[in-house]
């Protein structure tokens, strides 16, 4: 047996055909009767089919013999939850239609979009879950940044793209697959899970993927329920339009790093870091909040983006300093409490009228054993093992101006947009480095400003990569 045969034999087998058969049938055009408590649409003939990030529907003429005017303000019941029923299946428009257009000239027929549709979906049932999220046209794929493994499908052998990790007590896998013409990110949970737990896992994976790759993939999602962890016996499906996918700049670029260094192999992020990041988001909402700020602000104006990155930096500083309180406090905890207590005793020997604001003085004494805010920023990088360069320290000092809505330049009218972009991307690199290093990553961060300069033939202002 050859080496490639050994790899194929050892690779996990992923069953996808039942999923895509179910998906194809779910998206086909078919006819139903509407089941609703609202008279204008009750028992109305309706056709639906998959559209762009939605399901489109079209009804026949609304019920005659009733006054439709009194139901007009409620969109005739179309915007309320309703069911779609035929001889073979029952669908639920969970939130009704998300849009509705009624054609009076055509006898009060309606058409529009449904963005949350379910079939046999049981949100209160513990089972195995699989999610499919279509990649947007220009999305970067997580598999190009994190080390992955080969896997087998019914259609053949894939040489990579499969990442199986343990997150808390759940066994999950993330991989990509193309079912022509759509390329999907697929997320499996091989542990029995509740729907709310799965949603939290899926959200954390998507945001972490967005931080690493620069692409927050979330246009729409299909969630499948299964009796078995091989996903061969599917029991239900949920379709949901989420928010528009966002594409920005990545934190790392393993393939470019290989080209620049002339290395023999590409050094991808180890999947253990992916697991640590996802677990961290589920255990500490502050970390998830920082990653959301980094990924969701990508389409904001550059000043707003810089402010968002500054808030994320502040958040990460608080996480790291609070986790290392004993190390960074100026005094031992017990001794610090004793000093503070004695200082308050001395303070109370002075008459109250001698103070302009005694409460403020007491507060300063209470914070005596805490590291100062300015020092804390440099210290949090040192605690995770990143030695800051002078240009990075200068960049961090600008954060306060962004946080308070001030563009940190003397002349805001004659604003140097290129300089603003450079500072913003440096903040992005600093925060990404802090998050990744905090969760155990060591490697090369890409300098996205230098990459832009090289692409445009501009003067290069810094190295293409920053080692952490």
Foldseek 3Di string as FASTA:
>chain_A
DDPVVVQAVPAAEAECVVVVVVVVVVQDKDKFQKPDPQQFRHRWIKIWHDDDLWIKMKTAATDPPDDCVVCVVVVSCQQPKIWTDDPPFIKILHRGFPDWDFDVVRRGMIMHTRFKMKTLDDQADWFKKKKKFWADPPFDFLFQFEFFAKHAYPVGTDGTFWDWDQADNWTKIWGWDCDPPTIIIMIIIQDGDHNVVVVLLVLLLQLLSCAARQKRGAQKMKMWGARHRSRPHTRMIIIHGDDDIGGAHHFARQVVVCVVVVDPDTDHHYCLLSSLSSNVCVVDVLSVQLSCLLRVCRPPPLLLNLLSLLVSLLSLLVVQCVVCVCPPFPDHPVVLVVVLVVVVVVVVVDDPVVDPDVVVVNVCSVCNRPDDPLVSSCVLCVSLPHHDDPVLNVLNVCNVCSNVPHDPDPDPVPDDVLVSNQSSLSSSNVSSVSSSSVSPDWDKTASVSQVVCVVVVHDGDDDGIDTD
